[in-house]
Amino acid sequence: MHELGIMFNVVKNVENFAKKNGITVIDTLVLQIGELSSVIPRYAKVCYPAAVEGTMLENTKLEIEILPGNCICNNCSRVFNYLEYKGICPGCESEDWELLGGREFNIKEIIAC
């Protein structure tokens, strides 16, 4: 489970940002995780308490937003969800598409008290 290492890295980055910006208390941390990302959101959420233990984020809430894995068909220009349609355009049944999003892993927001 690589999510624990990722969450330790997120905590370190958020702490560095907070120190540089004079933030002493953080209420909520919001992450965006693409549904095609290698990070599994529920595992990230489970690992979060271990990653924040003993840090300035120990009492923060974690919110995770799931970003869809959308594609655009190169034949008919239809936008569709890769997982829902298994990589096949529902408009023309083409497998020739470009990925628009869904592999992201972002720290979206740090909400200070």
N, C-alpha and C. Protein backbone atom coordinates (compact mmCIF):
# COMPACT_ATOMS: atom_id res chain seq x y z
N MET A 1 0.86 -1.18 0.00
CA MET A 1 0.00 0.00 0.00
C MET A 1 0.90 1.24 0.00
N HIS A 2 1.04 1.86 -1.15
CA HIS A 2 1.90 3.03 -1.27
C HIS A 2 1.21 4.31 -0.81
N GLU A 3 -0.06 4.24 -0.53
CA GLU A 3 -0.80 5.43 -0.08
C GLU A 3 -0.24 6.01 1.22
N LEU A 4 0.27 5.17 2.11
CA LEU A 4 0.82 5.68 3.36
C LEU A 4 2.00 6.59 3.09
N GLY A 5 2.91 6.17 2.23
CA GLY A 5 4.06 7.00 1.88
C GLY A 5 3.63 8.30 1.21
N ILE A 6 2.62 8.20 0.37
CA ILE A 6 2.10 9.40 -0.31
C ILE A 6 1.51 10.35 0.71
N MET A 7 0.76 9.83 1.67
CA MET A 7 0.14 10.69 2.67
C MET A 7 1.19 11.33 3.58
N PHE A 8 2.27 10.60 3.90
CA PHE A 8 3.37 11.21 4.67
C PHE A 8 3.96 12.39 3.89
N ASN A 9 4.11 12.22 2.59
CA ASN A 9 4.65 13.28 1.74
C ASN A 9 3.70 14.48 1.67
N VAL A 10 2.41 14.23 1.59
CA VAL A 10 1.41 15.30 1.59
C VAL A 10 1.51 16.09 2.89
N VAL A 11 1.58 15.39 4.01
CA VAL A 11 1.67 16.05 5.32
C VAL A 11 2.91 16.93 5.38
N LYS A 12 4.02 16.41 4.93
CA LYS A 12 5.28 17.17 4.93
C LYS A 12 5.15 18.44 4.07
N ASN A 13 4.56 18.31 2.89
CA ASN A 13 4.38 19.47 2.02
C ASN A 13 3.43 20.50 2.62
N VAL A 14 2.36 20.04 3.23
CA VAL A 14 1.41 20.97 3.85
C VAL A 14 2.05 21.66 5.04
N GLU A 15 2.79 20.93 5.85
CA GLU A 15 3.48 21.55 6.99
C GLU A 15 4.48 22.61 6.51
N ASN A 16 5.24 22.30 5.48
CA ASN A 16 6.19 23.28 4.94
C ASN A 16 5.47 24.53 4.44
N PHE A 17 4.35 24.33 3.74
CA PHE A 17 3.57 25.47 3.24
C PHE A 17 3.05 26.30 4.41
N ALA A 18 2.53 25.62 5.43
CA ALA A 18 1.97 26.33 6.59
C ALA A 18 3.04 27.15 7.29
N LYS A 19 4.21 26.57 7.50
CA LYS A 19 5.30 27.29 8.17
C LYS A 19 5.74 28.52 7.37
N LYS A 20 5.86 28.36 6.07
CA LYS A 20 6.27 29.48 5.21
C LYS A 20 5.25 30.61 5.19
N ASN A 21 3.98 30.27 5.45
CA ASN A 21 2.92 31.26 5.37
C ASN A 21 2.33 31.65 6.72
N GLY A 22 3.00 31.26 7.79
CA GLY A 22 2.57 31.66 9.13
C GLY A 22 1.28 31.03 9.59
N ILE A 23 0.92 29.89 9.05
CA ILE A 23 -0.30 29.20 9.45
C ILE A 23 0.05 28.25 10.59
N THR A 24 -0.68 28.36 11.69
CA THR A 24 -0.38 27.51 12.84
C THR A 24 -1.43 26.43 13.09
N VAL A 25 -2.65 26.66 12.63
CA VAL A 25 -3.72 25.68 12.84
C VAL A 25 -4.45 25.47 11.51
N ILE A 26 -4.57 24.22 11.13
CA ILE A 26 -5.29 23.86 9.90
C ILE A 26 -6.53 23.07 10.29
N ASP A 27 -7.67 23.49 9.77
CA ASP A 27 -8.93 22.82 10.07
C ASP A 27 -9.18 21.65 9.12
N THR A 28 -9.01 21.90 7.81
CA THR A 28 -9.36 20.90 6.81
C THR A 28 -8.34 20.88 5.69
N LEU A 29 -8.04 19.70 5.22
CA LEU A 29 -7.19 19.51 4.05
C LEU A 29 -8.04 18.85 2.97
N VAL A 30 -8.06 19.45 1.79
CA VAL A 30 -8.86 18.93 0.68
C VAL A 30 -7.92 18.42 -0.40
N LEU A 31 -8.07 17.14 -0.74
CA LEU A 31 -7.30 16.53 -1.81
C LEU A 31 -8.21 16.21 -2.98
N GLN A 32 -7.65 16.30 -4.18
CA GLN A 32 -8.34 15.85 -5.38
C GLN A 32 -7.59 14.63 -5.90
N ILE A 33 -8.34 13.55 -6.10
CA ILE A 33 -7.73 12.32 -6.59
C ILE A 33 -8.52 11.85 -7.81
N GLY A 34 -7.82 11.70 -8.92
CA GLY A 34 -8.46 11.23 -10.14
C GLY A 34 -8.81 9.76 -10.03
N GLU A 35 -9.93 9.39 -10.63
CA GLU A 35 -10.36 7.99 -10.52
C GLU A 35 -9.47 7.04 -11.32
N LEU A 36 -8.58 7.57 -12.14
CA LEU A 36 -7.61 6.75 -12.86
C LEU A 36 -6.21 6.86 -12.26
N SER A 37 -6.11 7.58 -11.15
CA SER A 37 -4.84 7.75 -10.46
C SER A 37 -4.42 6.43 -9.83
N SER A 38 -3.14 6.31 -9.52
CA SER A 38 -2.66 5.10 -8.84
C SER A 38 -2.96 5.15 -7.34
N VAL A 39 -3.51 6.26 -6.87
CA VAL A 39 -3.86 6.40 -5.45
C VAL A 39 -5.32 6.02 -5.26
N ILE A 40 -5.56 5.10 -4.36
CA ILE A 40 -6.93 4.67 -4.07
C ILE A 40 -7.46 5.53 -2.93
N PRO A 41 -8.51 6.32 -3.21
CA PRO A 41 -9.01 7.28 -2.20
C PRO A 41 -9.32 6.67 -0.83
N ARG A 42 -9.96 5.54 -0.80
CA ARG A 42 -10.32 4.97 0.53
C ARG A 42 -9.08 4.55 1.30
N TYR A 43 -8.03 4.11 0.61
CA TYR A 43 -6.78 3.76 1.28
C TYR A 43 -6.08 5.02 1.79
N ALA A 44 -6.13 6.10 0.99
CA ALA A 44 -5.54 7.36 1.43
C ALA A 44 -6.23 7.84 2.70
N LYS A 45 -7.55 7.71 2.73
CA LYS A 45 -8.32 8.14 3.91
C LYS A 45 -7.97 7.30 5.14
N VAL A 46 -7.79 5.99 4.95
CA VAL A 46 -7.45 5.10 6.05
C VAL A 46 -6.04 5.40 6.58
N CYS A 47 -5.12 5.75 5.67
CA CYS A 47 -3.73 6.03 6.06
C CYS A 47 -3.55 7.40 6.70
N TYR A 48 -4.49 8.30 6.47
CA TYR A 48 -4.35 9.68 6.92
C TYR A 48 -4.07 9.81 8.42
N PRO A 49 -4.83 9.14 9.30
CA PRO A 49 -4.55 9.29 10.74
C PRO A 49 -3.12 8.91 11.12
N ALA A 50 -2.56 7.87 10.51
CA ALA A 50 -1.19 7.48 10.82
C ALA A 50 -0.20 8.53 10.30
N ALA A 51 -0.49 9.11 9.16
CA ALA A 51 0.41 10.09 8.57
C ALA A 51 0.43 11.41 9.34
N VAL A 52 -0.67 11.78 9.96
CA VAL A 52 -0.74 13.07 10.66
C VAL A 52 -0.42 12.97 12.15
N GLU A 53 -0.32 11.77 12.66
CA GLU A 53 -0.07 11.59 14.09
C GLU A 53 1.22 12.31 14.51
N GLY A 54 1.10 13.17 15.53
CA GLY A 54 2.24 13.90 16.05
C GLY A 54 2.67 15.10 15.21
N THR A 55 1.85 15.48 14.23
CA THR A 55 2.17 16.63 13.38
C THR A 55 1.16 17.74 13.64
N MET A 56 1.38 18.90 13.02
CA MET A 56 0.43 20.00 13.17
C MET A 56 -0.91 19.70 12.50
N LEU A 57 -0.97 18.64 11.71
CA LEU A 57 -2.22 18.27 11.03
C LEU A 57 -3.01 17.22 11.80
N GLU A 58 -2.54 16.88 12.99
CA GLU A 58 -3.13 15.78 13.75
C GLU A 58 -4.64 15.92 13.94
N ASN A 59 -5.13 17.12 14.11
CA ASN A 59 -6.57 17.31 14.36
C ASN A 59 -7.33 17.84 13.14
N THR A 60 -6.73 17.73 11.98
CA THR A 60 -7.41 18.23 10.78
C THR A 60 -8.36 17.19 10.22
N LYS A 61 -9.35 17.71 9.48
CA LYS A 61 -10.26 16.84 8.75
C LYS A 61 -9.70 16.67 7.33
N LEU A 62 -9.90 15.51 6.77
CA LEU A 62 -9.49 15.24 5.41
C LEU A 62 -10.73 15.10 4.54
N GLU A 63 -10.75 15.86 3.45
CA GLU A 63 -11.81 15.72 2.45
C GLU A 63 -11.16 15.31 1.15
N ILE A 64 -11.80 14.37 0.47
CA ILE A 64 -11.28 13.90 -0.81
C ILE A 64 -12.34 14.09 -1.88
N GLU A 65 -11.94 14.76 -2.96
CA GLU A 65 -12.81 14.93 -4.12
C GLU A 65 -12.30 13.99 -5.21
N ILE A 66 -13.20 13.21 -5.78
CA ILE A 66 -12.83 12.28 -6.85
C ILE A 66 -13.05 12.99 -8.19
N LEU A 67 -11.99 13.03 -9.00
CA LEU A 67 -12.08 13.65 -10.33
C LEU A 67 -12.31 12.55 -11.37
N PRO A 68 -13.27 12.76 -12.27
CA PRO A 68 -13.61 11.71 -13.24
C PRO A 68 -12.51 11.51 -14.28
N GLY A 69 -12.42 10.27 -14.74
CA GLY A 69 -11.49 9.91 -15.81
C GLY A 69 -12.19 10.06 -17.15
N ASN A 70 -12.23 11.27 -17.65
CA ASN A 70 -12.95 11.54 -18.90
C ASN A 70 -12.03 11.56 -20.10
N CYS A 71 -12.58 11.14 -21.22
CA CYS A 71 -11.86 11.10 -22.50
C CYS A 71 -12.67 11.89 -23.52
N ILE A 72 -12.00 12.27 -24.60
CA ILE A 72 -12.69 12.85 -25.75
C ILE A 72 -12.35 11.97 -26.96
N CYS A 73 -13.38 11.59 -27.67
CA CYS A 73 -13.21 10.73 -28.83
C CYS A 73 -12.59 11.52 -29.98
N ASN A 74 -11.57 10.96 -30.59
CA ASN A 74 -10.92 11.62 -31.72
C ASN A 74 -11.74 11.52 -33.00
N ASN A 75 -12.76 10.64 -33.03
CA ASN A 75 -13.59 10.50 -34.22
C ASN A 75 -14.84 11.37 -34.20
N CYS A 76 -15.57 11.33 -33.06
CA CYS A 76 -16.85 12.06 -33.01
C CYS A 76 -16.87 13.19 -32.00
N SER A 77 -15.77 13.41 -31.28
CA SER A 77 -15.61 14.49 -30.30
C SER A 77 -16.50 14.36 -29.06
N ARG A 78 -17.07 13.22 -28.85
CA ARG A 78 -17.89 13.02 -27.64
C ARG A 78 -16.98 12.86 -26.42
N VAL A 79 -17.38 13.48 -25.32
CA VAL A 79 -16.68 13.32 -24.05
C VAL A 79 -17.38 12.21 -23.28
N PHE A 80 -16.59 11.26 -22.77
CA PHE A 80 -17.17 10.15 -22.04
C PHE A 80 -16.24 9.71 -20.91
N ASN A 81 -16.82 8.98 -19.94
CA ASN A 81 -16.06 8.48 -18.81
C ASN A 81 -15.40 7.15 -19.20
N TYR A 82 -14.09 7.12 -19.05
CA TYR A 82 -13.31 5.94 -19.44
C TYR A 82 -13.78 4.67 -18.72
N LEU A 83 -13.94 4.74 -17.42
CA LEU A 83 -14.33 3.56 -16.65
C LEU A 83 -15.75 3.10 -16.98
N GLU A 84 -16.65 4.05 -17.09
CA GLU A 84 -18.04 3.71 -17.35
C GLU A 84 -18.21 3.00 -18.69
N TYR A 85 -17.45 3.44 -19.68
CA TYR A 85 -17.60 2.88 -21.03
C TYR A 85 -16.42 1.99 -21.44
N LYS A 86 -15.56 1.66 -20.47
CA LYS A 86 -14.44 0.74 -20.68
C LYS A 86 -13.56 1.13 -21.86
N GLY A 87 -13.35 2.44 -22.04
CA GLY A 87 -12.45 2.93 -23.07
C GLY A 87 -13.00 2.88 -24.48
N ILE A 88 -14.30 2.66 -24.61
CA ILE A 88 -14.93 2.62 -25.93
C ILE A 88 -15.97 3.73 -26.01
N CYS A 89 -15.83 4.59 -27.01
CA CYS A 89 -16.74 5.72 -27.15
C CYS A 89 -18.18 5.24 -27.31
N PRO A 90 -19.09 5.74 -26.47
CA PRO A 90 -20.49 5.32 -26.58
C PRO A 90 -21.19 5.93 -27.80
N GLY A 91 -20.56 6.94 -28.41
CA GLY A 91 -21.17 7.57 -29.57
C GLY A 91 -20.89 6.82 -30.87
N CYS A 92 -19.61 6.42 -31.05
CA CYS A 92 -19.23 5.79 -32.33
C CYS A 92 -18.48 4.49 -32.17
N GLU A 93 -18.31 4.03 -30.92
CA GLU A 93 -17.63 2.79 -30.58
C GLU A 93 -16.14 2.78 -30.94
N SER A 94 -15.57 3.95 -31.08
CA SER A 94 -14.14 4.06 -31.37
C SER A 94 -13.32 3.87 -30.10
N GLU A 95 -12.12 3.36 -30.28
CA GLU A 95 -11.16 3.28 -29.18
C GLU A 95 -10.04 4.29 -29.37
N ASP A 96 -10.27 5.27 -30.23
CA ASP A 96 -9.30 6.33 -30.51
C ASP A 96 -9.75 7.58 -29.78
N TRP A 97 -9.13 7.84 -28.62
CA TRP A 97 -9.54 8.96 -27.77
C TRP A 97 -8.32 9.55 -27.08
N GLU A 98 -8.53 10.71 -26.50
CA GLU A 98 -7.50 11.39 -25.69
C GLU A 98 -8.05 11.51 -24.28
N LEU A 99 -7.19 11.27 -23.31
CA LEU A 99 -7.59 11.40 -21.91
C LEU A 99 -7.61 12.88 -21.53
N LEU A 100 -8.72 13.32 -20.98
CA LEU A 100 -8.86 14.72 -20.54
C LEU A 100 -8.48 14.90 -19.07
N GLY A 101 -8.69 13.90 -18.27
CA GLY A 101 -8.39 14.01 -16.85
C GLY A 101 -8.72 12.72 -16.14
N GLY A 102 -8.26 12.66 -14.90
CA GLY A 102 -8.57 11.49 -14.09
C GLY A 102 -7.34 10.86 -13.46
N ARG A 103 -6.15 11.35 -13.82
CA ARG A 103 -4.93 10.83 -13.22
C ARG A 103 -4.35 11.78 -12.17
N GLU A 104 -5.07 12.83 -11.86
CA GLU A 104 -4.57 13.86 -10.96
C GLU A 104 -4.47 13.38 -9.52
N PHE A 105 -3.56 14.02 -8.82
CA PHE A 105 -3.48 13.93 -7.36
C PHE A 105 -3.02 15.30 -6.91
N ASN A 106 -3.94 16.09 -6.37
CA ASN A 106 -3.65 17.48 -6.03
C ASN A 106 -4.03 17.79 -4.59
N ILE A 107 -3.23 18.66 -3.98
CA ILE A 107 -3.66 19.30 -2.74
C ILE A 107 -4.46 20.50 -3.21
N LYS A 108 -5.77 20.41 -3.09
CA LYS A 108 -6.64 21.47 -3.62
C LYS A 108 -6.72 22.66 -2.67
N GLU A 109 -6.87 22.36 -1.38
CA GLU A 109 -7.16 23.44 -0.45
C GLU A 109 -6.65 23.10 0.94
N ILE A 110 -6.11 24.11 1.59
CA ILE A 110 -5.71 24.01 2.99
C ILE A 110 -6.53 25.08 3.72
N ILE A 111 -7.46 24.63 4.54
CA ILE A 111 -8.35 25.56 5.22
C ILE A 111 -7.84 25.79 6.63
N ALA A 112 -7.38 26.99 6.87
CA ALA A 112 -6.82 27.35 8.17
C ALA A 112 -7.94 27.86 9.09
N CYS A 113 -7.70 27.76 10.38
CA CYS A 113 -8.65 28.29 11.37
C CYS A 113 -8.44 29.77 11.58
